[in-house]
């Protein structure tokens, strides 16, 4: 198994495609993520003592671990949810060419 890399993927969700695409573009333009994929999903969760099912868009943000904190701050500043999902997943291995591109697009 390859050594752990200095890269991660960050996930967040938004209520609409237009909002999700706008945030994705802003993240890439700010060089906080090299690539952001937007996928339509249905989320089921409890919020304020109520079980909900909502259509949302999932953003999968590929970035460097060193950018997690600034990316989290950026998402919080631009996100309409009271408590946005912001989850970091480690990238433990990947194509060397892709990871090199990821680093170059995020200033690494």
N, C-alpha and C. Protein backbone atom coordinates (compact mmCIF):
# COMPACT_ATOMS: atom_id res chain seq x y z
N UNK A 1 0.84 -1.19 0.00
CA UNK A 1 0.00 0.00 0.00
C UNK A 1 0.88 1.24 0.00
N UNK A 2 0.49 2.23 -0.76
CA UNK A 2 1.28 3.46 -0.88
C UNK A 2 1.22 4.27 0.42
N UNK A 3 2.24 5.09 0.63
CA UNK A 3 2.26 5.98 1.78
C UNK A 3 1.12 6.98 1.67
N UNK A 4 0.66 7.44 2.84
CA UNK A 4 -0.39 8.45 2.86
C UNK A 4 0.11 9.72 2.18
N UNK A 5 -0.74 10.34 1.42
CA UNK A 5 -0.38 11.56 0.71
C UNK A 5 -0.82 12.79 1.50
N UNK A 6 -0.32 13.97 1.13
CA UNK A 6 -0.74 15.20 1.81
C UNK A 6 -2.04 15.78 1.25
N UNK A 7 -2.89 14.93 0.67
CA UNK A 7 -4.10 15.37 0.01
C UNK A 7 -5.33 14.85 0.73
N UNK A 8 -6.46 15.51 0.49
CA UNK A 8 -7.71 15.08 1.09
C UNK A 8 -8.86 15.46 0.18
N UNK A 9 -10.03 14.93 0.52
CA UNK A 9 -11.26 15.33 -0.14
C UNK A 9 -12.17 15.88 0.95
N UNK A 10 -12.82 16.99 0.67
CA UNK A 10 -13.74 17.61 1.60
C UNK A 10 -15.13 17.57 0.99
N UNK A 11 -16.11 17.20 1.81
CA UNK A 11 -17.49 17.11 1.35
C UNK A 11 -18.33 18.17 2.02
N UNK A 12 -19.26 18.73 1.26
CA UNK A 12 -20.29 19.60 1.80
C UNK A 12 -21.53 19.43 0.94
N UNK A 13 -22.67 19.87 1.43
CA UNK A 13 -23.91 19.77 0.67
C UNK A 13 -24.60 21.13 0.65
N UNK A 14 -25.38 21.34 -0.41
CA UNK A 14 -26.17 22.57 -0.56
C UNK A 14 -27.54 22.20 -1.09
N UNK A 15 -28.50 23.09 -0.90
CA UNK A 15 -29.89 22.81 -1.23
C UNK A 15 -30.23 22.91 -2.72
N UNK A 16 -29.42 23.52 -3.52
CA UNK A 16 -29.77 23.66 -4.93
C UNK A 16 -28.57 23.61 -5.84
N UNK A 17 -28.82 23.23 -7.08
CA UNK A 17 -27.74 23.09 -8.06
C UNK A 17 -27.05 24.42 -8.35
N UNK A 18 -27.80 25.50 -8.47
CA UNK A 18 -27.21 26.80 -8.76
C UNK A 18 -26.28 27.23 -7.63
N UNK A 19 -26.72 27.06 -6.38
CA UNK A 19 -25.87 27.40 -5.23
C UNK A 19 -24.63 26.53 -5.19
N UNK A 20 -24.81 25.23 -5.45
CA UNK A 20 -23.70 24.28 -5.42
C UNK A 20 -22.67 24.62 -6.50
N UNK A 21 -23.14 24.90 -7.71
CA UNK A 21 -22.23 25.23 -8.79
C UNK A 21 -21.50 26.54 -8.52
N UNK A 22 -22.19 27.51 -7.96
CA UNK A 22 -21.54 28.79 -7.63
C UNK A 22 -20.46 28.59 -6.59
N UNK A 23 -20.74 27.83 -5.53
CA UNK A 23 -19.74 27.59 -4.51
C UNK A 23 -18.57 26.79 -5.08
N UNK A 24 -18.85 25.82 -5.92
CA UNK A 24 -17.79 25.02 -6.54
C UNK A 24 -16.84 25.91 -7.35
N UNK A 25 -17.41 26.79 -8.15
CA UNK A 25 -16.58 27.71 -8.95
C UNK A 25 -15.74 28.63 -8.06
N UNK A 26 -16.36 29.15 -6.99
CA UNK A 26 -15.63 30.04 -6.07
C UNK A 26 -14.47 29.32 -5.39
N UNK A 27 -14.68 28.08 -5.02
CA UNK A 27 -13.61 27.30 -4.38
C UNK A 27 -12.45 27.09 -5.33
N UNK A 28 -12.75 26.73 -6.57
CA UNK A 28 -11.69 26.52 -7.57
C UNK A 28 -10.99 27.85 -7.89
N UNK A 29 -11.75 28.91 -8.06
CA UNK A 29 -11.15 30.22 -8.35
C UNK A 29 -10.26 30.70 -7.22
N UNK A 30 -10.62 30.37 -5.98
CA UNK A 30 -9.81 30.76 -4.82
C UNK A 30 -8.62 29.82 -4.63
N UNK A 31 -8.52 28.79 -5.48
CA UNK A 31 -7.45 27.79 -5.44
C UNK A 31 -7.43 27.02 -4.13
N UNK A 32 -8.60 26.88 -3.52
CA UNK A 32 -8.74 26.08 -2.31
C UNK A 32 -9.06 24.62 -2.64
N UNK A 33 -9.43 24.38 -3.88
CA UNK A 33 -9.68 23.03 -4.38
C UNK A 33 -9.28 22.97 -5.83
N UNK A 34 -8.68 21.86 -6.24
CA UNK A 34 -8.27 21.70 -7.64
C UNK A 34 -9.46 21.29 -8.51
N UNK A 35 -10.36 20.54 -7.91
CA UNK A 35 -11.52 20.02 -8.63
C UNK A 35 -12.66 19.88 -7.64
N UNK A 36 -13.85 20.30 -8.06
CA UNK A 36 -15.04 20.12 -7.23
C UNK A 36 -16.09 19.44 -8.11
N UNK A 37 -16.52 18.29 -7.68
CA UNK A 37 -17.58 17.58 -8.39
C UNK A 37 -18.89 17.84 -7.67
N UNK A 38 -19.96 18.04 -8.44
CA UNK A 38 -21.29 18.31 -7.88
C UNK A 38 -22.22 17.19 -8.32
N UNK A 39 -22.86 16.55 -7.33
CA UNK A 39 -23.75 15.42 -7.61
C UNK A 39 -25.08 15.64 -6.89
N UNK A 40 -26.17 15.36 -7.58
CA UNK A 40 -27.48 15.41 -6.94
C UNK A 40 -27.67 14.20 -6.04
N UNK A 41 -28.19 14.42 -4.84
CA UNK A 41 -28.40 13.35 -3.87
C UNK A 41 -29.71 13.61 -3.11
N UNK A 42 -30.16 12.64 -2.35
CA UNK A 42 -31.25 12.84 -1.40
C UNK A 42 -30.70 12.50 -0.03
N UNK A 43 -30.80 13.45 0.89
CA UNK A 43 -30.27 13.29 2.25
C UNK A 43 -31.42 13.10 3.22
N UNK A 44 -31.25 12.16 4.14
CA UNK A 44 -32.18 11.94 5.23
C UNK A 44 -31.43 12.22 6.52
N UNK A 45 -32.01 13.04 7.39
CA UNK A 45 -31.31 13.45 8.61
C UNK A 45 -32.32 13.98 9.62
N UNK A 46 -31.85 14.14 10.86
CA UNK A 46 -32.66 14.77 11.90
C UNK A 46 -32.14 16.17 12.12
N UNK A 47 -33.06 17.12 12.19
CA UNK A 47 -32.70 18.52 12.44
C UNK A 47 -33.79 19.13 13.30
N UNK A 48 -33.40 19.65 14.45
CA UNK A 48 -34.33 20.29 15.39
C UNK A 48 -35.52 19.39 15.70
N UNK A 49 -35.20 18.15 16.09
CA UNK A 49 -36.19 17.14 16.51
C UNK A 49 -37.14 16.71 15.41
N UNK A 50 -36.74 16.87 14.17
CA UNK A 50 -37.59 16.49 13.05
C UNK A 50 -36.76 15.68 12.06
N UNK A 51 -37.31 14.56 11.60
CA UNK A 51 -36.65 13.78 10.56
C UNK A 51 -37.02 14.37 9.21
N UNK A 52 -36.01 14.60 8.40
CA UNK A 52 -36.23 15.24 7.10
C UNK A 52 -35.63 14.41 5.97
N UNK A 53 -36.15 14.60 4.80
CA UNK A 53 -35.60 14.05 3.56
C UNK A 53 -35.59 15.18 2.55
N UNK A 54 -34.40 15.55 2.08
CA UNK A 54 -34.27 16.71 1.19
C UNK A 54 -33.39 16.36 -0.01
N UNK A 55 -33.74 16.92 -1.15
CA UNK A 55 -32.84 16.84 -2.30
C UNK A 55 -31.75 17.89 -2.09
N UNK A 56 -30.51 17.47 -2.26
CA UNK A 56 -29.37 18.37 -2.10
C UNK A 56 -28.37 18.08 -3.21
N UNK A 57 -27.33 18.90 -3.24
CA UNK A 57 -26.19 18.65 -4.10
C UNK A 57 -24.99 18.42 -3.21
N UNK A 58 -24.26 17.35 -3.49
CA UNK A 58 -23.04 17.00 -2.76
C UNK A 58 -21.85 17.55 -3.53
N UNK A 59 -21.00 18.30 -2.83
CA UNK A 59 -19.76 18.79 -3.41
C UNK A 59 -18.62 17.93 -2.90
N UNK A 60 -17.83 17.37 -3.82
CA UNK A 60 -16.63 16.60 -3.49
C UNK A 60 -15.45 17.45 -3.92
N UNK A 61 -14.71 17.95 -2.95
CA UNK A 61 -13.65 18.93 -3.19
C UNK A 61 -12.30 18.25 -2.99
N UNK A 62 -11.50 18.16 -4.04
CA UNK A 62 -10.16 17.59 -3.93
C UNK A 62 -9.16 18.70 -3.67
N UNK A 63 -8.38 18.55 -2.58
CA UNK A 63 -7.49 19.61 -2.15
C UNK A 63 -6.30 19.04 -1.39
N UNK A 64 -5.49 19.93 -0.84
CA UNK A 64 -4.37 19.53 0.02
C UNK A 64 -4.80 19.65 1.48
N UNK A 65 -4.30 18.75 2.32
CA UNK A 65 -4.64 18.79 3.75
C UNK A 65 -4.27 20.14 4.36
N UNK A 66 -3.20 20.76 3.89
CA UNK A 66 -2.77 22.05 4.42
C UNK A 66 -3.81 23.14 4.18
N UNK A 67 -4.71 22.94 3.23
CA UNK A 67 -5.74 23.94 2.92
C UNK A 67 -7.07 23.66 3.61
N UNK A 68 -7.14 22.60 4.42
CA UNK A 68 -8.42 22.26 5.02
C UNK A 68 -9.00 23.42 5.83
N UNK A 69 -8.23 23.99 6.74
CA UNK A 69 -8.76 25.05 7.61
C UNK A 69 -9.22 26.26 6.80
N UNK A 70 -8.41 26.79 5.85
CA UNK A 70 -8.92 27.91 5.04
C UNK A 70 -10.14 27.54 4.20
N UNK A 71 -10.18 26.29 3.72
CA UNK A 71 -11.34 25.84 2.95
C UNK A 71 -12.57 25.76 3.85
N UNK A 72 -12.43 25.24 5.04
CA UNK A 72 -13.56 25.18 5.98
C UNK A 72 -14.06 26.60 6.27
N UNK A 73 -13.15 27.52 6.53
CA UNK A 73 -13.55 28.91 6.79
C UNK A 73 -14.28 29.51 5.59
N UNK A 74 -13.78 29.23 4.38
CA UNK A 74 -14.39 29.74 3.15
C UNK A 74 -15.80 29.18 3.00
N UNK A 75 -15.96 27.86 3.21
CA UNK A 75 -17.28 27.26 3.08
C UNK A 75 -18.24 27.89 4.10
N UNK A 76 -17.81 28.02 5.34
CA UNK A 76 -18.67 28.63 6.38
C UNK A 76 -19.10 30.05 5.99
N UNK A 77 -18.18 30.82 5.42
CA UNK A 77 -18.47 32.21 5.06
C UNK A 77 -19.42 32.32 3.87
N UNK A 78 -19.48 31.29 3.01
CA UNK A 78 -20.28 31.34 1.79
C UNK A 78 -21.47 30.38 1.79
N UNK A 79 -21.70 29.69 2.88
CA UNK A 79 -22.71 28.64 2.94
C UNK A 79 -23.98 29.14 3.62
N UNK A 80 -25.15 28.86 3.05
CA UNK A 80 -26.39 29.36 3.64
C UNK A 80 -26.90 28.55 4.84
N UNK A 81 -26.41 27.33 5.05
CA UNK A 81 -26.92 26.50 6.14
C UNK A 81 -26.43 27.00 7.49
N UNK A 82 -27.26 26.85 8.50
CA UNK A 82 -26.88 27.19 9.87
C UNK A 82 -25.71 26.32 10.35
N UNK A 83 -25.77 25.03 10.02
CA UNK A 83 -24.72 24.09 10.38
C UNK A 83 -24.37 23.26 9.14
N UNK A 84 -23.50 23.77 8.28
CA UNK A 84 -23.18 23.04 7.05
C UNK A 84 -22.36 21.79 7.34
N UNK A 85 -22.62 20.77 6.53
CA UNK A 85 -21.76 19.59 6.55
C UNK A 85 -20.41 19.99 5.97
N UNK A 86 -19.35 19.77 6.72
CA UNK A 86 -18.00 19.97 6.21
C UNK A 86 -17.19 18.80 6.77
N UNK A 87 -16.88 17.83 5.92
CA UNK A 87 -16.22 16.60 6.34
C UNK A 87 -14.97 16.40 5.49
N UNK A 88 -13.87 16.11 6.16
CA UNK A 88 -12.61 15.84 5.46
C UNK A 88 -12.36 14.34 5.44
N UNK A 89 -12.01 13.81 4.28
CA UNK A 89 -11.62 12.42 4.11
C UNK A 89 -10.20 12.39 3.57
N UNK A 90 -9.33 11.57 4.17
CA UNK A 90 -7.96 11.52 3.66
C UNK A 90 -7.88 10.81 2.31
N UNK A 91 -6.99 11.27 1.49
CA UNK A 91 -6.64 10.54 0.27
C UNK A 91 -5.35 9.81 0.61
N UNK A 92 -5.42 8.50 0.70
CA UNK A 92 -4.26 7.74 1.14
C UNK A 92 -3.35 7.32 -0.01
N UNK A 93 -3.87 7.38 -1.22
CA UNK A 93 -3.07 7.06 -2.40
C UNK A 93 -3.80 7.60 -3.62
N UNK A 94 -3.08 7.74 -4.72
CA UNK A 94 -3.69 8.20 -5.95
C UNK A 94 -2.68 8.24 -7.07
N UNK A 95 -3.15 8.46 -8.26
CA UNK A 95 -2.27 8.58 -9.42
C UNK A 95 -1.29 9.72 -9.19
N UNK A 96 -0.02 9.45 -9.38
CA UNK A 96 1.01 10.47 -9.16
C UNK A 96 0.77 11.70 -10.04
N UNK A 97 0.38 11.49 -11.29
CA UNK A 97 0.12 12.61 -12.20
C UNK A 97 -1.06 13.46 -11.72
N UNK A 98 -2.12 12.79 -11.27
CA UNK A 98 -3.29 13.52 -10.78
C UNK A 98 -2.95 14.30 -9.52
N UNK A 99 -2.24 13.67 -8.59
CA UNK A 99 -1.89 14.34 -7.34
C UNK A 99 -0.93 15.51 -7.58
N UNK A 100 -0.05 15.37 -8.56
CA UNK A 100 0.84 16.48 -8.90
C UNK A 100 0.01 17.64 -9.47
N UNK A 101 -0.96 17.35 -10.31
CA UNK A 101 -1.85 18.38 -10.85
C UNK A 101 -2.64 19.03 -9.72
N UNK A 102 -3.19 18.22 -8.81
CA UNK A 102 -3.93 18.73 -7.66
C UNK A 102 -3.08 19.72 -6.88
N UNK A 103 -1.84 19.35 -6.62
CA UNK A 103 -0.93 20.24 -5.87
C UNK A 103 -0.69 21.52 -6.63
N UNK A 104 -0.44 21.44 -7.93
CA UNK A 104 -0.13 22.64 -8.70
C UNK A 104 -1.33 23.58 -8.78
N UNK A 105 -2.54 23.04 -8.83
CA UNK A 105 -3.74 23.88 -8.94
C UNK A 105 -4.16 24.50 -7.61
N UNK A 106 -3.57 24.02 -6.52
CA UNK A 106 -3.90 24.58 -5.21
C UNK A 106 -2.68 25.27 -4.59
N UNK A 107 -1.74 25.64 -5.43
CA UNK A 107 -0.59 26.41 -4.96
C UNK A 107 0.44 25.63 -4.19
N UNK A 108 0.40 24.31 -4.30
CA UNK A 108 1.35 23.48 -3.54
C UNK A 108 2.57 23.09 -4.32
